[in-house]
Amino acid sequence: MPPVKRKTPTQRAAEYADKLRELEARRKERSSPGPGYYDPKKPPATISHGSTSAFKSGTNRMKTAHSTPSPMDVSDPGAYDMSSHKSLVRSVVSILRPLGW
């Protein structure tokens, strides 16, 4: 059996650096595309004119009726009858109290 040749720390470091350079070169070679692989120009059919969404809506918004209420339907938000709400709360409490609530 031949004797094992011992390497100095400097030789081992140089060998390791060479291996790292080869590995990095292989990684770079694999990850970067070749010439002509990527063309940044968009084809004319895919050019966007304004904002778009992921899904096309089936609603024709220009022909539907408006959902805003008429001014006659809108009242003062603070104009509610407090006693009606109190009576509703009393009736709910009277139903739930026997049930253990």
N, C-alpha and C. Protein backbone atom coordinates (compact mmCIF):
# COMPACT_ATOMS: atom_id res chain seq x y z
N MET A 1 0.83 -1.16 0.00
CA MET A 1 0.00 0.00 0.00
C MET A 1 0.89 1.24 0.00
N PRO A 2 0.61 2.20 -0.94
CA PRO A 2 1.45 3.40 -1.01
C PRO A 2 1.15 4.33 0.17
N PRO A 3 2.15 5.06 0.59
CA PRO A 3 1.93 5.98 1.72
C PRO A 3 1.01 7.13 1.32
N VAL A 4 0.23 7.62 2.27
CA VAL A 4 -0.70 8.72 2.04
C VAL A 4 0.09 10.02 2.06
N LYS A 5 -0.08 10.81 1.01
CA LYS A 5 0.63 12.07 0.93
C LYS A 5 -0.16 13.12 1.72
N ARG A 6 0.49 13.73 2.65
CA ARG A 6 -0.13 14.75 3.47
C ARG A 6 -0.03 16.10 2.76
N LYS A 7 -1.11 16.90 2.87
CA LYS A 7 -1.11 18.24 2.27
C LYS A 7 -0.97 19.27 3.38
N THR A 8 -0.34 20.34 3.02
CA THR A 8 -0.20 21.44 3.97
C THR A 8 -1.51 22.22 4.01
N PRO A 9 -1.74 22.98 5.05
CA PRO A 9 -2.96 23.79 5.11
C PRO A 9 -3.10 24.75 3.93
N THR A 10 -2.01 25.27 3.45
CA THR A 10 -2.05 26.17 2.30
C THR A 10 -2.51 25.42 1.06
N GLN A 11 -2.01 24.19 0.85
CA GLN A 11 -2.42 23.39 -0.31
C GLN A 11 -3.90 23.03 -0.22
N ARG A 12 -4.34 22.66 1.01
CA ARG A 12 -5.76 22.32 1.17
C ARG A 12 -6.64 23.54 0.90
N ALA A 13 -6.25 24.72 1.36
CA ALA A 13 -7.02 25.94 1.14
C ALA A 13 -7.10 26.28 -0.35
N ALA A 14 -5.98 26.13 -1.07
CA ALA A 14 -5.96 26.42 -2.50
C ALA A 14 -6.86 25.43 -3.25
N GLU A 15 -6.81 24.15 -2.87
CA GLU A 15 -7.65 23.14 -3.50
C GLU A 15 -9.14 23.43 -3.25
N TYR A 16 -9.46 23.83 -2.02
CA TYR A 16 -10.83 24.15 -1.67
C TYR A 16 -11.32 25.37 -2.45
N ALA A 17 -10.48 26.39 -2.60
CA ALA A 17 -10.85 27.59 -3.36
C ALA A 17 -11.11 27.24 -4.82
N ASP A 18 -10.29 26.34 -5.39
CA ASP A 18 -10.51 25.91 -6.77
C ASP A 18 -11.86 25.19 -6.92
N LYS A 19 -12.18 24.33 -5.96
CA LYS A 19 -13.46 23.62 -6.01
C LYS A 19 -14.63 24.59 -5.91
N LEU A 20 -14.50 25.61 -5.03
CA LEU A 20 -15.57 26.60 -4.90
C LEU A 20 -15.76 27.39 -6.19
N ARG A 21 -14.66 27.76 -6.84
CA ARG A 21 -14.76 28.50 -8.11
C ARG A 21 -15.43 27.65 -9.18
N GLU A 22 -15.08 26.38 -9.26
CA GLU A 22 -15.71 25.48 -10.24
C GLU A 22 -17.20 25.33 -9.95
N LEU A 23 -17.55 25.17 -8.68
CA LEU A 23 -18.94 25.02 -8.31
C LEU A 23 -19.74 26.27 -8.66
N GLU A 24 -19.19 27.43 -8.34
CA GLU A 24 -19.87 28.69 -8.65
C GLU A 24 -20.02 28.88 -10.15
N ALA A 25 -19.03 28.50 -10.93
CA ALA A 25 -19.11 28.61 -12.39
C ALA A 25 -20.21 27.68 -12.92
N ARG A 26 -20.33 26.47 -12.37
CA ARG A 26 -21.38 25.55 -12.81
C ARG A 26 -22.77 26.08 -12.46
N ARG A 27 -22.91 26.66 -11.27
CA ARG A 27 -24.20 27.23 -10.86
C ARG A 27 -24.59 28.38 -11.77
N LYS A 28 -23.65 29.24 -12.06
CA LYS A 28 -23.92 30.40 -12.91
C LYS A 28 -24.27 29.95 -14.32
N GLU A 29 -23.58 28.93 -14.80
CA GLU A 29 -23.83 28.40 -16.14
C GLU A 29 -25.24 27.83 -16.24
N ARG A 30 -25.69 27.15 -15.18
CA ARG A 30 -27.01 26.52 -15.19
C ARG A 30 -28.13 27.54 -15.04
N SER A 31 -27.91 28.60 -14.24
CA SER A 31 -29.00 29.51 -13.91
C SER A 31 -29.23 30.61 -14.94
N SER A 32 -28.22 30.98 -15.68
CA SER A 32 -28.41 32.09 -16.63
C SER A 32 -28.77 31.55 -18.01
N PRO A 33 -29.79 32.12 -18.62
CA PRO A 33 -30.17 31.67 -19.96
C PRO A 33 -29.17 32.14 -21.01
N GLY A 34 -29.16 31.45 -22.10
CA GLY A 34 -28.25 31.80 -23.18
C GLY A 34 -28.75 32.97 -24.00
N PRO A 35 -27.99 33.37 -25.02
CA PRO A 35 -28.39 34.49 -25.86
C PRO A 35 -29.68 34.17 -26.62
N GLY A 36 -30.57 35.16 -26.66
CA GLY A 36 -31.83 34.98 -27.38
C GLY A 36 -32.88 34.25 -26.57
N TYR A 37 -32.57 33.87 -25.35
CA TYR A 37 -33.51 33.12 -24.53
C TYR A 37 -34.64 34.02 -24.02
N TYR A 38 -34.31 35.28 -23.71
CA TYR A 38 -35.29 36.19 -23.13
C TYR A 38 -35.41 37.42 -24.02
N ASP A 39 -36.63 37.72 -24.43
CA ASP A 39 -36.89 38.91 -25.23
C ASP A 39 -37.85 39.79 -24.42
N PRO A 40 -37.40 40.95 -23.95
CA PRO A 40 -38.24 41.77 -23.08
C PRO A 40 -39.43 42.42 -23.76
N LYS A 41 -39.51 42.42 -25.08
CA LYS A 41 -40.63 43.05 -25.77
C LYS A 41 -41.88 42.18 -25.65
N LYS A 42 -43.01 42.83 -25.40
CA LYS A 42 -44.27 42.11 -25.34
C LYS A 42 -44.83 41.97 -26.75
N PRO A 43 -45.48 40.85 -27.04
CA PRO A 43 -46.16 40.76 -28.33
C PRO A 43 -47.31 41.77 -28.38
N PRO A 44 -47.67 42.26 -29.55
CA PRO A 44 -48.70 43.30 -29.65
C PRO A 44 -50.05 42.89 -29.06
N ALA A 45 -50.39 41.63 -29.03
CA ALA A 45 -51.70 41.19 -28.54
C ALA A 45 -51.80 41.29 -27.02
N THR A 46 -50.69 41.32 -26.30
CA THR A 46 -50.76 41.32 -24.84
C THR A 46 -50.50 42.69 -24.23
N ILE A 47 -50.38 43.73 -25.03
CA ILE A 47 -50.16 45.06 -24.48
C ILE A 47 -51.44 45.52 -23.79
N SER A 48 -51.31 45.98 -22.56
CA SER A 48 -52.47 46.39 -21.77
C SER A 48 -52.74 47.87 -21.98
N HIS A 49 -54.00 48.21 -22.10
CA HIS A 49 -54.40 49.61 -22.22
C HIS A 49 -55.19 49.97 -20.96
N GLY A 50 -54.52 50.35 -19.91
CA GLY A 50 -55.19 50.68 -18.66
C GLY A 50 -55.15 49.52 -17.71
N SER A 51 -55.93 49.63 -16.63
CA SER A 51 -55.91 48.58 -15.62
C SER A 51 -56.83 47.43 -16.03
N THR A 52 -56.47 46.25 -15.64
CA THR A 52 -57.27 45.07 -15.92
C THR A 52 -57.40 44.27 -14.64
N SER A 53 -58.35 43.36 -14.62
CA SER A 53 -58.49 42.49 -13.46
C SER A 53 -58.20 41.06 -13.87
N ALA A 54 -58.10 40.19 -12.89
CA ALA A 54 -57.77 38.80 -13.16
C ALA A 54 -58.95 38.07 -13.82
N PHE A 55 -60.17 38.48 -13.49
CA PHE A 55 -61.34 37.82 -14.03
C PHE A 55 -62.24 38.84 -14.71
N LYS A 56 -62.79 38.48 -15.83
CA LYS A 56 -63.69 39.38 -16.52
C LYS A 56 -65.06 39.28 -15.87
N SER A 57 -65.63 40.42 -15.57
CA SER A 57 -66.94 40.44 -14.93
C SER A 57 -68.02 40.24 -15.99
N GLY A 58 -69.04 39.49 -15.61
CA GLY A 58 -70.17 39.27 -16.51
C GLY A 58 -71.21 40.36 -16.41
N THR A 59 -71.05 41.29 -15.48
CA THR A 59 -72.02 42.36 -15.27
C THR A 59 -71.77 43.49 -16.24
N ASN A 60 -72.84 43.90 -16.92
CA ASN A 60 -72.73 45.05 -17.79
C ASN A 60 -73.10 46.26 -16.95
N ARG A 61 -72.12 46.92 -16.40
CA ARG A 61 -72.37 47.98 -15.42
C ARG A 61 -73.01 49.21 -16.01
N MET A 62 -72.87 49.43 -17.25
CA MET A 62 -73.44 50.64 -17.85
C MET A 62 -74.95 50.53 -18.05
N LYS A 63 -75.49 49.33 -18.07
CA LYS A 63 -76.92 49.15 -18.33
C LYS A 63 -77.72 48.80 -17.09
N THR A 64 -77.07 48.62 -15.93
CA THR A 64 -77.82 48.26 -14.73
C THR A 64 -78.34 49.51 -14.04
N ALA A 65 -79.39 49.34 -13.24
CA ALA A 65 -79.97 50.46 -12.51
C ALA A 65 -79.03 50.86 -11.37
N HIS A 66 -79.05 52.11 -11.02
CA HIS A 66 -78.22 52.59 -9.92
C HIS A 66 -78.75 52.09 -8.59
N SER A 67 -77.86 51.79 -7.69
CA SER A 67 -78.27 51.26 -6.40
C SER A 67 -78.35 52.34 -5.33
N THR A 68 -78.10 53.60 -5.67
CA THR A 68 -78.20 54.66 -4.67
C THR A 68 -79.67 54.96 -4.41
N PRO A 69 -80.05 55.08 -3.13
CA PRO A 69 -81.45 55.35 -2.81
C PRO A 69 -81.83 56.78 -3.17
N SER A 70 -83.10 56.98 -3.36
CA SER A 70 -83.58 58.32 -3.68
C SER A 70 -83.51 59.19 -2.43
N PRO A 71 -83.47 60.50 -2.60
CA PRO A 71 -83.41 61.39 -1.43
C PRO A 71 -84.60 61.23 -0.49
N MET A 72 -85.74 60.76 -1.00
CA MET A 72 -86.92 60.57 -0.16
C MET A 72 -86.74 59.38 0.78
N ASP A 73 -85.94 58.39 0.39
CA ASP A 73 -85.73 57.19 1.21
C ASP A 73 -84.72 57.41 2.31
N VAL A 74 -83.87 58.41 2.18
CA VAL A 74 -82.80 58.64 3.14
C VAL A 74 -83.32 59.58 4.22
N SER A 75 -83.14 59.17 5.48
CA SER A 75 -83.56 60.03 6.59
C SER A 75 -82.35 60.34 7.47
N ASP A 76 -82.59 61.13 8.49
CA ASP A 76 -81.53 61.49 9.42
C ASP A 76 -81.12 60.24 10.20
N PRO A 77 -79.81 59.88 10.21
CA PRO A 77 -79.40 58.67 10.89
C PRO A 77 -79.64 58.72 12.40
N GLY A 78 -79.72 59.90 12.98
CA GLY A 78 -79.96 60.01 14.41
C GLY A 78 -81.43 60.04 14.78
N ALA A 79 -82.30 60.02 13.79
CA ALA A 79 -83.73 60.12 14.05
C ALA A 79 -84.35 58.74 14.17
N TYR A 80 -84.09 58.07 15.29
CA TYR A 80 -84.69 56.76 15.51
C TYR A 80 -85.41 56.79 16.84
N ASP A 81 -86.34 55.88 16.97
CA ASP A 81 -87.15 55.84 18.17
C ASP A 81 -86.47 54.95 19.20
N MET A 82 -85.97 55.56 20.26
CA MET A 82 -85.23 54.84 21.28
C MET A 82 -86.11 53.84 22.03
N SER A 83 -87.36 54.19 22.23
CA SER A 83 -88.24 53.31 23.01
C SER A 83 -88.51 52.00 22.28
N SER A 84 -88.52 52.02 20.95
CA SER A 84 -88.76 50.77 20.22
C SER A 84 -87.58 49.81 20.41
N HIS A 85 -86.38 50.35 20.48
CA HIS A 85 -85.21 49.50 20.69
C HIS A 85 -85.19 48.94 22.11
N LYS A 86 -85.60 49.77 23.08
CA LYS A 86 -85.65 49.30 24.47
C LYS A 86 -86.67 48.18 24.63
N SER A 87 -87.82 48.33 23.98
CA SER A 87 -88.84 47.29 24.11
C SER A 87 -88.38 45.99 23.45
N LEU A 88 -87.63 46.11 22.37
CA LEU A 88 -87.09 44.91 21.72
C LEU A 88 -86.10 44.21 22.64
N VAL A 89 -85.25 44.98 23.30
CA VAL A 89 -84.27 44.40 24.22
C VAL A 89 -84.98 43.73 25.38
N ARG A 90 -86.02 44.38 25.92
CA ARG A 90 -86.77 43.78 27.02
C ARG A 90 -87.40 42.45 26.63
N SER A 91 -87.95 42.38 25.42
CA SER A 91 -88.59 41.14 25.00
C SER A 91 -87.56 40.02 24.80
N VAL A 92 -86.40 40.35 24.28
CA VAL A 92 -85.36 39.34 24.10
C VAL A 92 -84.84 38.86 25.45
N VAL A 93 -84.64 39.78 26.39
CA VAL A 93 -84.17 39.41 27.72
C VAL A 93 -85.19 38.53 28.41
N SER A 94 -86.47 38.85 28.27
CA SER A 94 -87.50 38.04 28.92
C SER A 94 -87.57 36.63 28.34
N ILE A 95 -87.16 36.47 27.10
CA ILE A 95 -87.15 35.13 26.49
C ILE A 95 -85.89 34.37 26.90
N LEU A 96 -84.75 35.05 26.93
CA LEU A 96 -83.49 34.37 27.17
C LEU A 96 -83.20 34.14 28.66
N ARG A 97 -83.75 34.96 29.56
CA ARG A 97 -83.45 34.80 30.99
C ARG A 97 -83.86 33.44 31.52
N PRO A 98 -85.04 32.90 31.20
CA PRO A 98 -85.39 31.57 31.69
C PRO A 98 -84.48 30.47 31.14
N LEU A 99 -83.83 30.73 30.02
CA LEU A 99 -82.96 29.72 29.41
C LEU A 99 -81.57 29.72 30.03
N GLY A 100 -81.31 30.66 30.94
CA GLY A 100 -80.02 30.68 31.60
C GLY A 100 -79.04 31.66 30.99
N TRP A 101 -79.50 32.53 30.18
CA TRP A 101 -78.60 33.53 29.58
C TRP A 101 -78.44 34.67 30.48
